[in-house]
């Protein structure tokens, strides 16, 4: 079972009992405005129960709860793609609004990147961010991702066409960065 202890939070598998905290923090229009439409709004306790049940079925977790003070207040996870893209994974994350600006995702995303490259056969990790969500773009760049593309007006959210910003990180870039950090720490 994957549990990652960080300074600002703990990343852990979803568990029974997280339903009320999850629905409380996920039921926020500002969050929904920044994520894909399959993320429910309003976000009910029933939606939370379904999410937790689905995630408990995985042998090795692909979504981890962002736990602050014993409460699940967000998620960081990934989806491995299929067919010719089977060595690509898309990372995604959200955090309850009360916790924005505290450096939590700046710490959680690099930890999840390490978890992914350490435990899964992924060569390319990428994240998609809708225009206007600069904090999320900064989180990805701080985690070592580089801007790869801007898909002009590729997404529709709230009846508006939005640009989608794609950020990517290759395994070789991750390994090179880890070596650099390791060498720096030895000095």
C-alpha atoms as a PDB file:
ATOM      1  CA  UNK A   1       0.000   0.000   0.000  1.00  0.00           C
ATOM      2  CA  UNK A   2       1.438   3.358  -1.038  1.00  0.00           C
ATOM      3  CA  UNK A   3       1.664   5.993   1.672  1.00  0.00           C
ATOM      4  CA  UNK A   4       3.898   8.990   1.009  1.00  0.00           C
ATOM      5  CA  UNK A   5       4.622  11.282   3.957  1.00  0.00           C
ATOM      6  CA  UNK A   6       5.409  14.865   2.973  1.00  0.00           C
ATOM      7  CA  UNK A   7       5.893  18.100   4.914  1.00  0.00           C
ATOM      8  CA  UNK A   8       2.535  19.602   3.897  1.00  0.00           C
ATOM      9  CA  UNK A   9       0.395  16.470   3.568  1.00  0.00           C
ATOM     10  CA  UNK A  10       0.290  12.707   3.268  1.00  0.00           C
ATOM     11  CA  UNK A  11      -0.550  10.919   0.023  1.00  0.00           C
ATOM     12  CA  UNK A  12      -2.403   7.695   0.744  1.00  0.00           C
ATOM     13  CA  UNK A  13      -4.929   5.310  -0.785  1.00  0.00           C
ATOM     14  CA  UNK A  14      -8.589   6.268  -0.569  1.00  0.00           C
ATOM     15  CA  UNK A  15     -10.407   4.491   2.256  1.00  0.00           C
ATOM     16  CA  UNK A  16     -13.857   4.029   3.689  1.00  0.00           C
ATOM     17  CA  UNK A  17     -14.650   7.010   5.865  1.00  0.00           C
ATOM     18  CA  UNK A  18     -13.286   9.577   3.378  1.00  0.00           C
ATOM     19  CA  UNK A  19     -16.726  10.119   1.798  1.00  0.00           C
ATOM     20  CA  UNK A  20     -17.822  13.180   3.763  1.00  0.00           C
ATOM     21  CA  UNK A  21     -14.496  14.987   3.615  1.00  0.00           C
ATOM     22  CA  UNK A  22     -14.186  14.212  -0.094  1.00  0.00           C
ATOM     23  CA  UNK A  23     -17.662  15.469  -0.945  1.00  0.00           C
ATOM     24  CA  UNK A  24     -17.204  18.549   1.249  1.00  0.00           C
ATOM     25  CA  UNK A  25     -13.988  19.622  -0.491  1.00  0.00           C
ATOM     26  CA  UNK A  26     -14.829  18.459  -4.036  1.00  0.00           C
ATOM     27  CA  UNK A  27     -18.254  20.116  -4.114  1.00  0.00           C
ATOM     28  CA  UNK A  28     -16.895  23.460  -5.241  1.00  0.00           C
ATOM     29  CA  UNK A  29     -17.659  25.237  -8.503  1.00  0.00           C
ATOM     30  CA  UNK A  30     -14.161  26.789  -8.623  1.00  0.00           C
ATOM     31  CA  UNK A  31     -12.661  23.285  -8.682  1.00  0.00           C
ATOM     32  CA  UNK A  32     -15.167  22.007 -11.227  1.00  0.00           C
ATOM     33  CA  UNK A  33     -14.370  24.985 -13.506  1.00  0.00           C
ATOM     34  CA  UNK A  34     -10.745  23.756 -13.725  1.00  0.00           C
ATOM     35  CA  UNK A  35     -11.287  20.034 -14.308  1.00  0.00           C
ATOM     36  CA  UNK A  36     -12.927  17.777 -16.867  1.00  0.00           C
ATOM     37  CA  UNK A  37     -16.684  17.416 -16.921  1.00  0.00           C
ATOM     38  CA  UNK A  38     -16.627  13.788 -15.693  1.00  0.00           C
ATOM     39  CA  UNK A  39     -15.794  15.279 -12.271  1.00  0.00           C
ATOM     40  CA  UNK A  40     -19.314  15.672 -10.839  1.00  0.00           C
ATOM     41  CA  UNK A  41     -20.857  18.975  -9.828  1.00  0.00           C
ATOM     42  CA  UNK A  42     -22.483  19.096  -7.417  1.00  0.00           C
ATOM     43  CA  UNK A  43     -20.237  16.471  -5.819  1.00  0.00           C
ATOM     44  CA  UNK A  44     -22.359  14.363  -3.482  1.00  0.00           C
ATOM     45  CA  UNK A  45     -21.555  11.820  -0.778  1.00  0.00           C
ATOM     46  CA  UNK A  46     -22.853   9.197  -3.234  1.00  0.00           C
ATOM     47  CA  UNK A  47     -20.299  10.375  -5.846  1.00  0.00           C
ATOM     48  CA  UNK A  48     -17.581  10.198  -3.183  1.00  0.00           C
ATOM     49  CA  UNK A  49     -18.620   6.652  -2.186  1.00  0.00           C
ATOM     50  CA  UNK A  50     -18.480   5.547  -5.814  1.00  0.00           C
ATOM     51  CA  UNK A  51     -15.002   7.111  -6.288  1.00  0.00           C
ATOM     52  CA  UNK A  52     -13.652   5.465  -3.147  1.00  0.00           C
ATOM     53  CA  UNK A  53     -15.123   2.065  -4.054  1.00  0.00           C
ATOM     54  CA  UNK A  54     -13.590   2.244  -7.552  1.00  0.00           C
ATOM     55  CA  UNK A  55     -10.168   3.208  -6.200  1.00  0.00           C
ATOM     56  CA  UNK A  56     -10.179   0.504  -3.542  1.00  0.00           C
ATOM     57  CA  UNK A  57     -10.514  -2.085  -6.329  1.00  0.00           C
ATOM     58  CA  UNK A  58      -7.017  -1.361  -7.713  1.00  0.00           C
ATOM     59  CA  UNK A  59      -4.196  -3.630  -6.541  1.00  0.00           C
ATOM     60  CA  UNK A  60      -1.724  -0.775  -6.851  1.00  0.00           C
ATOM     61  CA  UNK A  61      -3.305   2.663  -6.383  1.00  0.00           C
ATOM     62  CA  UNK A  62      -3.376   5.089  -9.308  1.00  0.00           C
ATOM     63  CA  UNK A  63      -5.183   7.797  -7.316  1.00  0.00           C
ATOM     64  CA  UNK A  64      -4.001   8.927  -3.902  1.00  0.00           C
ATOM     65  CA  UNK A  65      -5.917  11.041  -1.426  1.00  0.00           C
ATOM     66  CA  UNK A  66      -4.229  14.257  -0.373  1.00  0.00           C
ATOM     67  CA  UNK A  67      -4.565  14.013   3.393  1.00  0.00           C
ATOM     68  CA  UNK A  68      -4.115  17.067   5.601  1.00  0.00           C
ATOM     69  CA  UNK A  69      -4.666  16.592   9.311  1.00  0.00           C
ATOM     70  CA  UNK A  70      -6.354  13.225   8.811  1.00  0.00           C
ATOM     71  CA  UNK A  71      -8.855  14.520   6.235  1.00  0.00           C
ATOM     72  CA  UNK A  72      -8.925  13.765   2.512  1.00  0.00           C
ATOM     73  CA  UNK A  73      -8.908  17.235   0.914  1.00  0.00           C
ATOM     74  CA  UNK A  74      -7.812  16.466  -2.648  1.00  0.00           C
ATOM     75  CA  UNK A  75      -6.529  13.888  -5.094  1.00  0.00           C
ATOM     76  CA  UNK A  76      -3.464  13.297  -7.214  1.00  0.00           C
ATOM     77  CA  UNK A  77      -3.554  10.482  -9.727  1.00  0.00           C
ATOM     78  CA  UNK A  78      -2.813   9.266 -13.215  1.00  0.00           C
ATOM     79  CA  UNK A  79      -4.282   7.323 -16.107  1.00  0.00           C
ATOM     80  CA  UNK A  80      -2.151   5.079 -18.284  1.00  0.00           C
ATOM     81  CA  UNK A  81      -3.162   5.419 -21.924  1.00  0.00           C
ATOM     82  CA  UNK A  82      -3.812   2.574 -24.366  1.00  0.00           C
ATOM     83  CA  UNK A  83      -2.658   1.096 -27.671  1.00  0.00           C
ATOM     84  CA  UNK A  84       0.300   2.946 -29.184  1.00  0.00           C
ATOM     85  CA  UNK A  85       0.169   5.388 -26.249  1.00  0.00           C
ATOM     86  CA  UNK A  86       0.467   2.623 -23.611  1.00  0.00           C
ATOM     87  CA  UNK A  87       3.719   4.026 -22.182  1.00  0.00           C
ATOM     88  CA  UNK A  88       2.127   7.449 -21.672  1.00  0.00           C
ATOM     89  CA  UNK A  89       0.267   8.453 -18.536  1.00  0.00           C
ATOM     90  CA  UNK A  90      -1.744  11.573 -17.825  1.00  0.00           C
ATOM     91  CA  UNK A  91      -1.378  13.075 -14.361  1.00  0.00           C
ATOM     92  CA  UNK A  92      -4.221  15.002 -12.776  1.00  0.00           C
ATOM     93  CA  UNK A  93      -4.910  16.586  -9.425  1.00  0.00           C
ATOM     94  CA  UNK A  94      -7.220  18.852  -7.502  1.00  0.00           C
ATOM     95  CA  UNK A  95      -7.211  20.324  -4.019  1.00  0.00           C
ATOM     96  CA  UNK A  96      -9.910  21.783  -1.763  1.00  0.00           C
ATOM     97  CA  UNK A  97     -10.035  25.563  -2.049  1.00  0.00           C
ATOM     98  CA  UNK A  98      -9.214  26.138   1.632  1.00  0.00           C
ATOM     99  CA  UNK A  99      -5.792  24.585   0.965  1.00  0.00           C
ATOM    100  CA  UNK A 100      -4.832  26.545  -2.165  1.00  0.00           C
ATOM    101  CA  UNK A 101      -1.631  28.568  -1.972  1.00  0.00           C
ATOM    102  CA  UNK A 102      -0.034  26.517   0.813  1.00  0.00           C
ATOM    103  CA  UNK A 103       2.484  24.652  -1.380  1.00  0.00           C
ATOM    104  CA  UNK A 104       0.663  21.336  -1.010  1.00  0.00           C
ATOM    105  CA  UNK A 105       0.439  20.463  -4.695  1.00  0.00           C
ATOM    106  CA  UNK A 106       3.953  21.789  -5.303  1.00  0.00           C
ATOM    107  CA  UNK A 107       5.073  19.013  -2.970  1.00  0.00           C
ATOM    108  CA  UNK A 108       2.468  16.346  -3.839  1.00  0.00           C
ATOM    109  CA  UNK A 109       2.895  16.354  -7.633  1.00  0.00           C
ATOM    110  CA  UNK A 110       6.682  15.680  -7.622  1.00  0.00           C
ATOM    111  CA  UNK A 111       6.096  12.903  -5.079  1.00  0.00           C
ATOM    112  CA  UNK A 112       3.460  11.362  -7.359  1.00  0.00           C
ATOM    113  CA  UNK A 113       5.795  11.699 -10.364  1.00  0.00           C
ATOM    114  CA  UNK A 114       8.424   9.744  -8.435  1.00  0.00           C
ATOM    115  CA  UNK A 115       5.815   7.121  -7.473  1.00  0.00           C
ATOM    116  CA  UNK A 116       4.725   6.733 -11.114  1.00  0.00           C
ATOM    117  CA  UNK A 117       8.201   6.440 -12.628  1.00  0.00           C
ATOM    118  CA  UNK A 118       9.328   4.089  -9.842  1.00  0.00           C
ATOM    119  CA  UNK A 119       6.367   1.695  -9.958  1.00  0.00           C
ATOM    120  CA  UNK A 120       4.933   1.759 -13.485  1.00  0.00           C
ATOM    121  CA  UNK A 121       6.227   1.281 -17.015  1.00  0.00           C
ATOM    122  CA  UNK A 122       5.668   4.855 -18.092  1.00  0.00           C
ATOM    123  CA  UNK A 123       7.991   6.636 -20.507  1.00  0.00           C
ATOM    124  CA  UNK A 124       6.109   9.930 -20.870  1.00  0.00           C
ATOM    125  CA  UNK A 125       4.040  11.643 -18.226  1.00  0.00           C
ATOM    126  CA  UNK A 126       1.879  14.582 -19.240  1.00  0.00           C
ATOM    127  CA  UNK A 127      -0.609  16.990 -17.741  1.00  0.00           C
ATOM    128  CA  UNK A 128      -3.342  19.027 -19.407  1.00  0.00           C
ATOM    129  CA  UNK A 129      -4.345  22.405 -17.990  1.00  0.00           C
ATOM    130  CA  UNK A 130      -7.166  24.630 -19.169  1.00  0.00           C
ATOM    131  CA  UNK A 131      -6.354  28.242 -19.956  1.00  0.00           C
ATOM    132  CA  UNK A 132      -6.627  30.556 -16.998  1.00  0.00           C
ATOM    133  CA  UNK A 133      -5.304  28.022 -14.472  1.00  0.00           C
ATOM    134  CA  UNK A 134      -1.807  29.450 -14.085  1.00  0.00           C
ATOM    135  CA  UNK A 135      -1.275  28.009 -10.569  1.00  0.00           C
ATOM    136  CA  UNK A 136      -1.650  24.487 -11.968  1.00  0.00           C
ATOM    137  CA  UNK A 137       0.755  25.284 -14.802  1.00  0.00           C
ATOM    138  CA  UNK A 138       3.317  26.483 -12.234  1.00  0.00           C
ATOM    139  CA  UNK A 139       2.901  23.271 -10.213  1.00  0.00           C
ATOM    140  CA  UNK A 140       3.748  21.164 -13.273  1.00  0.00           C
ATOM    141  CA  UNK A 141       6.753  23.297 -14.248  1.00  0.00           C
ATOM    142  CA  UNK A 142       8.095  23.219 -10.675  1.00  0.00           C
ATOM    143  CA  UNK A 143       7.791  19.405 -10.851  1.00  0.00           C
ATOM    144  CA  UNK A 144      10.077  19.332 -13.913  1.00  0.00           C
ATOM    145  CA  UNK A 145       7.457  19.277 -16.675  1.00  0.00           C
ATOM    146  CA  UNK A 146       8.065  21.435 -19.722  1.00  0.00           C
ATOM    147  CA  UNK A 147       5.453  23.174 -21.857  1.00  0.00           C
ATOM    148  CA  UNK A 148       4.894  20.965 -24.884  1.00  0.00           C
ATOM    149  CA  UNK A 149       1.902  22.363 -26.759  1.00  0.00           C
ATOM    150  CA  UNK A 150      -1.062  24.673 -26.631  1.00  0.00           C
ATOM    151  CA  UNK A 151      -4.117  23.207 -28.301  1.00  0.00           C
ATOM    152  CA  UNK A 152      -6.064  26.269 -29.370  1.00  0.00           C
ATOM    153  CA  UNK A 153      -9.717  26.277 -28.302  1.00  0.00           C
ATOM    154  CA  UNK A 154      -9.569  22.473 -27.946  1.00  0.00           C
ATOM    155  CA  UNK A 155     -11.726  22.229 -24.837  1.00  0.00           C
ATOM    156  CA  UNK A 156     -15.182  23.424 -23.971  1.00  0.00           C
ATOM    157  CA  UNK A 157     -16.074  24.316 -20.409  1.00  0.00           C
ATOM    158  CA  UNK A 158     -19.065  26.364 -19.273  1.00  0.00           C
ATOM    159  CA  UNK A 159     -20.062  26.867 -22.935  1.00  0.00           C
ATOM    160  CA  UNK A 160     -16.696  28.534 -23.683  1.00  0.00           C
ATOM    161  CA  UNK A 161     -13.936  27.236 -25.924  1.00  0.00           C
ATOM    162  CA  UNK A 162     -10.647  27.194 -24.035  1.00  0.00           C
ATOM    163  CA  UNK A 163      -7.028  26.553 -24.935  1.00  0.00           C
ATOM    164  CA  UNK A 164      -5.562  23.397 -23.450  1.00  0.00           C
ATOM    165  CA  UNK A 165      -1.948  23.631 -22.298  1.00  0.00           C
ATOM    166  CA  UNK A 166       0.018  20.367 -22.432  1.00  0.00           C
ATOM    167  CA  UNK A 167       3.053  19.825 -20.198  1.00  0.00           C
ATOM    168  CA  UNK A 168       5.237  16.719 -20.405  1.00  0.00           C
ATOM    169  CA  UNK A 169       8.073  14.961 -18.618  1.00  0.00           C
ATOM    170  CA  UNK A 170       9.981  12.019 -20.088  1.00  0.00           C
ATOM    171  CA  UNK A 171      11.433   9.237 -17.957  1.00  0.00           C
ATOM    172  CA  UNK A 172      14.950  10.148 -19.163  1.00  0.00           C
ATOM    173  CA  UNK A 173      14.411  13.768 -18.057  1.00  0.00           C
ATOM    174  CA  UNK A 174      13.175  12.576 -14.665  1.00  0.00           C
ATOM    175  CA  UNK A 175      16.194  10.235 -14.246  1.00  0.00           C
ATOM    176  CA  UNK A 176      18.636  12.988 -15.299  1.00  0.00           C
ATOM    177  CA  UNK A 177      17.040  15.385 -12.808  1.00  0.00           C
ATOM    178  CA  UNK A 178      17.243  12.750 -10.039  1.00  0.00           C
ATOM    179  CA  UNK A 179      20.951  12.265 -10.791  1.00  0.00           C
ATOM    180  CA  UNK A 180      21.533  16.020 -10.631  1.00  0.00           C
ATOM    181  CA  UNK A 181      19.740  16.241  -7.275  1.00  0.00           C
ATOM    182  CA  UNK A 182      21.705  13.240  -5.979  1.00  0.00           C
ATOM    183  CA  UNK A 183      25.045  14.741  -7.013  1.00  0.00           C
ATOM    184  CA  UNK A 184      24.104  18.120  -5.504  1.00  0.00           C
ATOM    185  CA  UNK A 185      23.146  16.476  -2.199  1.00  0.00           C
ATOM    186  CA  UNK A 186      26.522  14.680  -1.978  1.00  0.00           C
ATOM    187  CA  UNK A 187      28.465  17.947  -2.016  1.00  0.00           C
END
